[in-house]
Amino acid sequence: MKKNIILFVVLISFAFSFSAWAQFKDGMWEMTTQVEIKGMPQQMPPATFRQCITKNDPVPQNQDKSYDCKTTSQKISGNTVTYTVECKGREGVMITNGRNTYTGSSMEGSSATRFQMQGQPEMQMASKIKGKYIGPCPK
């Protein structure tokens, strides 16, 4: 009997997670990021960008093409994606740990980034991100 109750709870949790993620919309998303850099008195202005986000690729990517970025871990729980992205470039290495929650046509998230430039102390950044679904991805 106890096994049946545990199995039922697991199945209900899985069904809830699947139905929450099923509400996610594949397509073009417009996202605005506000970055705060520790130790800097003046902060950067918000940056807005658009990106095609899909169920298979739900992690927003670095828009700076001088970095080679790879998602090194990703976990989906309900309608929330938790991820780690590592970006390597000539200037150094950035490692971002983030969490985004998608609800229908909107999303909110946050991330923490460590940036190590050669010969410099590590820089830490915290980001808040908000997004909205725009429409289908261009073909």
N, C-alpha and C. Protein backbone atom coordinates (compact mmCIF):
# COMPACT_ATOMS: atom_id res chain seq x y z
N MET A 1 0.82 -1.20 0.00
CA MET A 1 0.00 0.00 0.00
C MET A 1 0.87 1.27 0.00
N LYS A 2 1.92 1.26 0.83
CA LYS A 2 2.80 2.42 0.92
C LYS A 2 3.48 2.68 -0.43
N LYS A 3 3.88 1.60 -1.13
CA LYS A 3 4.50 1.73 -2.45
C LYS A 3 3.53 2.37 -3.44
N ASN A 4 2.27 1.98 -3.38
CA ASN A 4 1.26 2.54 -4.28
C ASN A 4 1.06 4.04 -4.04
N ILE A 5 1.09 4.47 -2.79
CA ILE A 5 0.92 5.89 -2.47
C ILE A 5 2.12 6.67 -3.00
N ILE A 6 3.33 6.15 -2.79
CA ILE A 6 4.54 6.81 -3.28
C ILE A 6 4.51 6.90 -4.80
N LEU A 7 4.15 5.82 -5.46
CA LEU A 7 4.06 5.81 -6.92
C LEU A 7 3.03 6.81 -7.41
N PHE A 8 1.90 6.89 -6.74
CA PHE A 8 0.85 7.85 -7.11
C PHE A 8 1.37 9.28 -6.99
N VAL A 9 2.06 9.61 -5.88
CA VAL A 9 2.60 10.95 -5.67
C VAL A 9 3.62 11.28 -6.76
N VAL A 10 4.49 10.33 -7.10
CA VAL A 10 5.49 10.55 -8.15
C VAL A 10 4.81 10.81 -9.49
N LEU A 11 3.81 10.02 -9.82
CA LEU A 11 3.10 10.18 -11.10
C LEU A 11 2.37 11.52 -11.16
N ILE A 12 1.73 11.91 -10.08
CA ILE A 12 1.03 13.21 -10.04
C ILE A 12 2.04 14.35 -10.20
N SER A 13 3.18 14.26 -9.52
CA SER A 13 4.22 15.30 -9.64
C SER A 13 4.72 15.39 -11.06
N PHE A 14 4.95 14.24 -11.69
CA PHE A 14 5.42 14.23 -13.08
C PHE A 14 4.37 14.84 -14.00
N ALA A 15 3.11 14.48 -13.80
CA ALA A 15 2.04 15.02 -14.64
C ALA A 15 1.94 16.53 -14.47
N PHE A 16 2.06 17.02 -13.23
CA PHE A 16 2.00 18.46 -13.00
C PHE A 16 3.17 19.15 -13.69
N SER A 17 4.37 18.59 -13.55
CA SER A 17 5.56 19.19 -14.19
C SER A 17 5.39 19.22 -15.69
N PHE A 18 4.91 18.14 -16.27
CA PHE A 18 4.74 18.08 -17.71
C PHE A 18 3.69 19.08 -18.17
N SER A 19 2.57 19.18 -17.43
CA SER A 19 1.52 20.11 -17.87
C SER A 19 1.98 21.56 -17.73
N ALA A 20 2.76 21.88 -16.69
CA ALA A 20 3.27 23.25 -16.55
C ALA A 20 4.22 23.57 -17.69
N TRP A 21 5.10 22.66 -18.04
CA TRP A 21 6.05 22.90 -19.13
C TRP A 21 5.33 22.89 -20.47
N ALA A 22 4.23 22.16 -20.57
CA ALA A 22 3.47 22.13 -21.83
C ALA A 22 2.88 23.50 -22.15
N GLN A 23 2.72 24.38 -21.15
CA GLN A 23 2.19 25.72 -21.38
C GLN A 23 3.24 26.66 -21.97
N PHE A 24 4.50 26.25 -21.92
CA PHE A 24 5.58 27.06 -22.48
C PHE A 24 5.38 27.23 -23.98
N LYS A 25 5.69 28.43 -24.49
CA LYS A 25 5.50 28.71 -25.91
C LYS A 25 6.85 28.75 -26.62
N ASP A 26 7.04 27.84 -27.57
CA ASP A 26 8.20 27.93 -28.47
C ASP A 26 8.04 29.19 -29.31
N GLY A 27 9.13 29.92 -29.51
CA GLY A 27 9.04 31.07 -30.40
C GLY A 27 10.03 32.16 -30.04
N MET A 28 9.77 33.34 -30.61
CA MET A 28 10.62 34.50 -30.39
C MET A 28 10.21 35.17 -29.08
N TRP A 29 11.20 35.38 -28.23
CA TRP A 29 11.00 36.03 -26.95
C TRP A 29 11.81 37.30 -26.90
N GLU A 30 11.23 38.36 -26.36
CA GLU A 30 11.97 39.60 -26.13
C GLU A 30 12.28 39.64 -24.64
N MET A 31 13.57 39.79 -24.33
CA MET A 31 14.02 39.75 -22.94
C MET A 31 14.80 41.01 -22.60
N THR A 32 14.57 41.51 -21.40
CA THR A 32 15.29 42.67 -20.89
C THR A 32 16.06 42.23 -19.66
N THR A 33 17.36 42.50 -19.69
CA THR A 33 18.25 42.11 -18.60
C THR A 33 18.81 43.33 -17.90
N GLN A 34 18.76 43.32 -16.59
CA GLN A 34 19.38 44.36 -15.78
C GLN A 34 20.55 43.71 -15.03
N VAL A 35 21.76 44.18 -15.31
CA VAL A 35 22.97 43.61 -14.72
C VAL A 35 23.48 44.54 -13.63
N GLU A 36 23.85 43.95 -12.51
CA GLU A 36 24.47 44.68 -11.41
C GLU A 36 25.84 44.05 -11.17
N ILE A 37 26.90 44.86 -11.25
CA ILE A 37 28.26 44.37 -11.07
C ILE A 37 28.74 44.78 -9.69
N LYS A 38 29.14 43.78 -8.90
CA LYS A 38 29.61 44.06 -7.54
C LYS A 38 30.84 44.96 -7.60
N GLY A 39 30.84 45.98 -6.74
CA GLY A 39 31.99 46.88 -6.65
C GLY A 39 31.95 48.05 -7.60
N MET A 40 30.97 48.11 -8.49
CA MET A 40 30.87 49.24 -9.41
C MET A 40 29.78 50.19 -8.91
N PRO A 41 30.13 51.46 -8.67
CA PRO A 41 29.13 52.40 -8.15
C PRO A 41 28.05 52.72 -9.17
N GLN A 42 28.40 52.78 -10.44
CA GLN A 42 27.43 53.09 -11.48
C GLN A 42 27.09 51.81 -12.23
N GLN A 43 25.81 51.54 -12.36
CA GLN A 43 25.40 50.30 -12.99
C GLN A 43 25.11 50.49 -14.48
N MET A 44 25.11 49.37 -15.17
CA MET A 44 24.84 49.37 -16.61
C MET A 44 23.35 49.58 -16.85
N PRO A 45 22.98 50.21 -17.97
CA PRO A 45 21.56 50.34 -18.30
C PRO A 45 20.99 48.98 -18.72
N PRO A 46 19.69 48.79 -18.62
CA PRO A 46 19.08 47.53 -19.05
C PRO A 46 19.36 47.28 -20.54
N ALA A 47 19.50 46.01 -20.89
CA ALA A 47 19.71 45.61 -22.29
C ALA A 47 18.54 44.75 -22.73
N THR A 48 17.99 45.03 -23.90
CA THR A 48 16.88 44.25 -24.44
C THR A 48 17.33 43.55 -25.71
N PHE A 49 16.98 42.28 -25.82
CA PHE A 49 17.33 41.49 -27.00
C PHE A 49 16.21 40.50 -27.29
N ARG A 50 16.23 39.98 -28.50
CA ARG A 50 15.26 38.97 -28.91
C ARG A 50 16.00 37.69 -29.25
N GLN A 51 15.37 36.57 -28.89
CA GLN A 51 15.98 35.27 -29.16
C GLN A 51 14.89 34.22 -29.33
N CYS A 52 15.15 33.28 -30.21
CA CYS A 52 14.25 32.15 -30.40
C CYS A 52 14.50 31.16 -29.25
N ILE A 53 13.47 30.89 -28.47
CA ILE A 53 13.55 29.98 -27.33
C ILE A 53 12.59 28.82 -27.60
N THR A 54 13.08 27.61 -27.40
CA THR A 54 12.25 26.42 -27.63
C THR A 54 12.32 25.49 -26.41
N LYS A 55 11.43 24.53 -26.36
CA LYS A 55 11.44 23.55 -25.28
C LYS A 55 12.76 22.78 -25.27
N ASN A 56 13.34 22.57 -26.45
CA ASN A 56 14.62 21.87 -26.54
C ASN A 56 15.80 22.77 -26.20
N ASP A 57 15.63 24.08 -26.30
CA ASP A 57 16.70 25.04 -26.03
C ASP A 57 16.12 26.24 -25.27
N PRO A 58 15.76 26.06 -23.97
CA PRO A 58 15.06 27.11 -23.24
C PRO A 58 15.96 28.11 -22.51
N VAL A 59 17.28 28.04 -22.74
CA VAL A 59 18.22 28.90 -22.02
C VAL A 59 18.62 30.09 -22.89
N PRO A 60 18.37 31.32 -22.42
CA PRO A 60 18.83 32.50 -23.19
C PRO A 60 20.35 32.46 -23.34
N GLN A 61 20.84 32.84 -24.51
CA GLN A 61 22.27 32.76 -24.80
C GLN A 61 22.93 34.13 -24.77
N ASN A 62 24.22 34.14 -24.51
CA ASN A 62 25.03 35.34 -24.55
C ASN A 62 24.98 35.91 -25.97
N GLN A 63 24.69 37.20 -26.09
CA GLN A 63 24.57 37.82 -27.40
C GLN A 63 25.91 38.27 -27.97
N ASP A 64 26.97 38.22 -27.18
CA ASP A 64 28.31 38.63 -27.61
C ASP A 64 28.94 37.50 -28.41
N LYS A 65 29.09 37.70 -29.72
CA LYS A 65 29.58 36.64 -30.61
C LYS A 65 31.08 36.38 -30.45
N SER A 66 31.80 37.17 -29.64
CA SER A 66 33.22 36.93 -29.43
C SER A 66 33.45 35.85 -28.37
N TYR A 67 32.36 35.30 -27.82
CA TYR A 67 32.46 34.22 -26.85
C TYR A 67 31.83 32.95 -27.40
N ASP A 68 32.47 31.83 -27.10
CA ASP A 68 31.94 30.51 -27.44
C ASP A 68 31.23 29.99 -26.19
N CYS A 69 29.92 29.90 -26.23
CA CYS A 69 29.14 29.53 -25.05
C CYS A 69 28.50 28.15 -25.22
N LYS A 70 28.52 27.40 -24.11
CA LYS A 70 27.89 26.09 -24.09
C LYS A 70 27.10 25.94 -22.80
N THR A 71 25.89 25.39 -22.92
CA THR A 71 25.10 25.07 -21.73
C THR A 71 25.67 23.78 -21.17
N THR A 72 26.23 23.84 -19.95
CA THR A 72 26.89 22.67 -19.36
C THR A 72 25.95 21.86 -18.47
N SER A 73 24.88 22.48 -17.99
CA SER A 73 23.86 21.74 -17.26
C SER A 73 22.52 22.45 -17.42
N GLN A 74 21.47 21.64 -17.37
CA GLN A 74 20.12 22.18 -17.53
C GLN A 74 19.14 21.24 -16.86
N LYS A 75 18.24 21.79 -16.07
CA LYS A 75 17.21 20.99 -15.41
C LYS A 75 15.89 21.72 -15.53
N ILE A 76 14.86 21.00 -15.92
CA ILE A 76 13.52 21.57 -16.02
C ILE A 76 12.66 20.94 -14.93
N SER A 77 12.05 21.80 -14.13
CA SER A 77 11.16 21.35 -13.07
C SER A 77 9.91 22.22 -13.14
N GLY A 78 8.80 21.60 -13.52
CA GLY A 78 7.58 22.38 -13.73
C GLY A 78 7.80 23.34 -14.88
N ASN A 79 7.62 24.63 -14.63
CA ASN A 79 7.83 25.62 -15.69
C ASN A 79 9.10 26.44 -15.45
N THR A 80 10.03 25.88 -14.66
CA THR A 80 11.28 26.56 -14.32
C THR A 80 12.48 25.81 -14.89
N VAL A 81 13.37 26.57 -15.50
CA VAL A 81 14.60 26.02 -16.06
C VAL A 81 15.76 26.53 -15.21
N THR A 82 16.57 25.62 -14.70
CA THR A 82 17.78 25.96 -13.97
C THR A 82 18.94 25.53 -14.85
N TYR A 83 19.97 26.38 -14.98
CA TYR A 83 21.02 26.09 -15.94
C TYR A 83 22.37 26.66 -15.53
N THR A 84 23.41 26.13 -16.17
CA THR A 84 24.76 26.67 -16.09
C THR A 84 25.28 26.80 -17.50
N VAL A 85 25.83 27.98 -17.82
CA VAL A 85 26.40 28.24 -19.14
C VAL A 85 27.84 28.68 -18.94
N GLU A 86 28.74 28.09 -19.72
CA GLU A 86 30.15 28.48 -19.69
C GLU A 86 30.51 29.12 -21.02
N CYS A 87 31.08 30.33 -20.96
CA CYS A 87 31.47 31.06 -22.17
C CYS A 87 32.98 31.33 -22.12
N LYS A 88 33.64 30.99 -23.22
CA LYS A 88 35.08 31.22 -23.32
C LYS A 88 35.36 32.18 -24.47
N GLY A 89 36.25 33.13 -24.20
CA GLY A 89 36.64 34.10 -25.22
C GLY A 89 38.07 34.54 -24.99
N ARG A 90 38.56 35.42 -25.86
CA ARG A 90 39.93 35.90 -25.73
C ARG A 90 40.15 36.65 -24.43
N GLU A 91 39.12 37.31 -23.93
CA GLU A 91 39.25 38.11 -22.72
C GLU A 91 39.19 37.29 -21.44
N GLY A 92 38.63 36.08 -21.50
CA GLY A 92 38.54 35.26 -20.30
C GLY A 92 37.38 34.28 -20.37
N VAL A 93 36.97 33.83 -19.18
CA VAL A 93 35.92 32.81 -19.06
C VAL A 93 34.80 33.35 -18.17
N MET A 94 33.56 33.15 -18.60
CA MET A 94 32.37 33.51 -17.82
C MET A 94 31.59 32.23 -17.51
N ILE A 95 31.18 32.09 -16.26
CA ILE A 95 30.32 30.97 -15.87
C ILE A 95 29.07 31.57 -15.24
N THR A 96 27.92 31.23 -15.82
CA THR A 96 26.64 31.77 -15.37
C THR A 96 25.77 30.65 -14.85
N ASN A 97 25.22 30.84 -13.65
CA ASN A 97 24.22 29.94 -13.08
C ASN A 97 22.92 30.74 -13.03
N GLY A 98 21.88 30.19 -13.66
CA GLY A 98 20.63 30.93 -13.73
C GLY A 98 19.40 30.08 -13.51
N ARG A 99 18.30 30.79 -13.38
CA ARG A 99 17.00 30.15 -13.16
C ARG A 99 15.94 31.04 -13.80
N ASN A 100 15.18 30.50 -14.74
CA ASN A 100 14.11 31.23 -15.42
C ASN A 100 12.80 30.48 -15.25
N THR A 101 11.75 31.22 -15.00
CA THR A 101 10.42 30.64 -14.88
C THR A 101 9.54 31.21 -15.98
N TYR A 102 8.97 30.31 -16.79
CA TYR A 102 8.11 30.67 -17.91
C TYR A 102 6.66 30.44 -17.50
N THR A 103 5.82 31.46 -17.68
CA THR A 103 4.39 31.32 -17.41
C THR A 103 3.62 31.86 -18.60
N GLY A 104 3.19 30.96 -19.45
CA GLY A 104 2.45 31.36 -20.65
C GLY A 104 3.28 32.24 -21.56
N SER A 105 2.90 33.52 -21.66
CA SER A 105 3.57 34.45 -22.56
C SER A 105 4.60 35.35 -21.87
N SER A 106 4.96 35.03 -20.63
CA SER A 106 5.96 35.84 -19.94
C SER A 106 6.96 34.95 -19.22
N MET A 107 8.09 35.56 -18.86
CA MET A 107 9.10 34.83 -18.10
C MET A 107 9.82 35.81 -17.20
N GLU A 108 10.35 35.28 -16.10
CA GLU A 108 11.19 36.04 -15.18
C GLU A 108 12.30 35.13 -14.74
N GLY A 109 13.46 35.74 -14.47
CA GLY A 109 14.57 34.93 -14.00
C GLY A 109 15.67 35.77 -13.39
N SER A 110 16.67 35.06 -12.95
CA SER A 110 17.84 35.71 -12.39
C SER A 110 19.05 34.82 -12.65
N SER A 111 20.21 35.45 -12.60
CA SER A 111 21.44 34.67 -12.78
C SER A 111 22.58 35.33 -12.03
N ALA A 112 23.59 34.53 -11.75
CA ALA A 112 24.83 35.00 -11.14
C ALA A 112 25.96 34.59 -12.08
N THR A 113 26.82 35.54 -12.42
CA THR A 113 27.92 35.28 -13.36
C THR A 113 29.24 35.61 -12.70
N ARG A 114 30.19 34.70 -12.90
CA ARG A 114 31.57 34.95 -12.48
C ARG A 114 32.38 35.12 -13.76
N PHE A 115 33.14 36.20 -13.85
CA PHE A 115 33.93 36.50 -15.05
C PHE A 115 35.40 36.60 -14.64
N GLN A 116 36.21 35.71 -15.18
CA GLN A 116 37.63 35.70 -14.87
C GLN A 116 38.42 36.11 -16.10
N MET A 117 38.98 37.33 -16.04
CA MET A 117 39.85 37.82 -17.11
C MET A 117 41.29 37.49 -16.72
N GLN A 118 42.10 37.22 -17.72
CA GLN A 118 43.49 36.88 -17.47
C GLN A 118 44.19 38.03 -16.77
N GLY A 119 44.85 37.72 -15.63
CA GLY A 119 45.61 38.72 -14.90
C GLY A 119 44.78 39.70 -14.09
N GLN A 120 43.48 39.48 -13.95
CA GLN A 120 42.58 40.39 -13.23
C GLN A 120 41.85 39.62 -12.13
N PRO A 121 41.40 40.32 -11.09
CA PRO A 121 40.58 39.64 -10.08
C PRO A 121 39.23 39.26 -10.69
N GLU A 122 38.65 38.22 -10.13
CA GLU A 122 37.35 37.76 -10.62
C GLU A 122 36.29 38.85 -10.42
N MET A 123 35.44 39.02 -11.41
CA MET A 123 34.33 39.96 -11.35
C MET A 123 33.04 39.15 -11.19
N GLN A 124 32.13 39.64 -10.35
CA GLN A 124 30.86 38.97 -10.14
C GLN A 124 29.72 39.89 -10.55
N MET A 125 28.75 39.30 -11.27
CA MET A 125 27.60 40.06 -11.75
C MET A 125 26.32 39.32 -11.37
N ALA A 126 25.31 40.07 -11.03
CA ALA A 126 23.97 39.51 -10.79
C ALA A 126 23.03 40.12 -11.81
N SER A 127 22.19 39.29 -12.40
CA SER A 127 21.27 39.77 -13.43
C SER A 127 19.84 39.39 -13.09
N LYS A 128 18.94 40.28 -13.42
CA LYS A 128 17.50 39.98 -13.37
C LYS A 128 17.01 40.09 -14.81
N ILE A 129 16.15 39.15 -15.18
CA ILE A 129 15.67 39.11 -16.56
C ILE A 129 14.15 38.99 -16.57
N LYS A 130 13.53 39.74 -17.48
CA LYS A 130 12.09 39.64 -17.71
C LYS A 130 11.90 39.48 -19.21
N GLY A 131 10.92 38.69 -19.58
CA GLY A 131 10.70 38.48 -21.00
C GLY A 131 9.24 38.30 -21.34
N LYS A 132 8.98 38.47 -22.65
CA LYS A 132 7.62 38.25 -23.13
C LYS A 132 7.70 37.57 -24.50
N TYR A 133 6.71 36.75 -24.73
CA TYR A 133 6.59 36.04 -26.01
C TYR A 133 6.18 37.03 -27.08
N ILE A 134 6.88 37.02 -28.22
CA ILE A 134 6.60 37.95 -29.33
C ILE A 134 5.81 37.27 -30.44
N GLY A 135 6.19 36.03 -30.77
CA GLY A 135 5.53 35.30 -31.85
C GLY A 135 6.40 34.16 -32.33
N PRO A 136 6.06 33.56 -33.45
CA PRO A 136 6.85 32.44 -33.96
C PRO A 136 8.27 32.87 -34.33
N CYS A 137 9.19 31.92 -34.29
CA CYS A 137 10.56 32.18 -34.74
C CYS A 137 10.58 32.33 -36.25
N PRO A 138 11.48 33.19 -36.76
CA PRO A 138 11.59 33.30 -38.21
C PRO A 138 12.09 31.98 -38.80
N LYS A 139 11.66 31.70 -39.99
CA LYS A 139 12.04 30.43 -40.66
C LYS A 139 13.37 30.58 -41.35
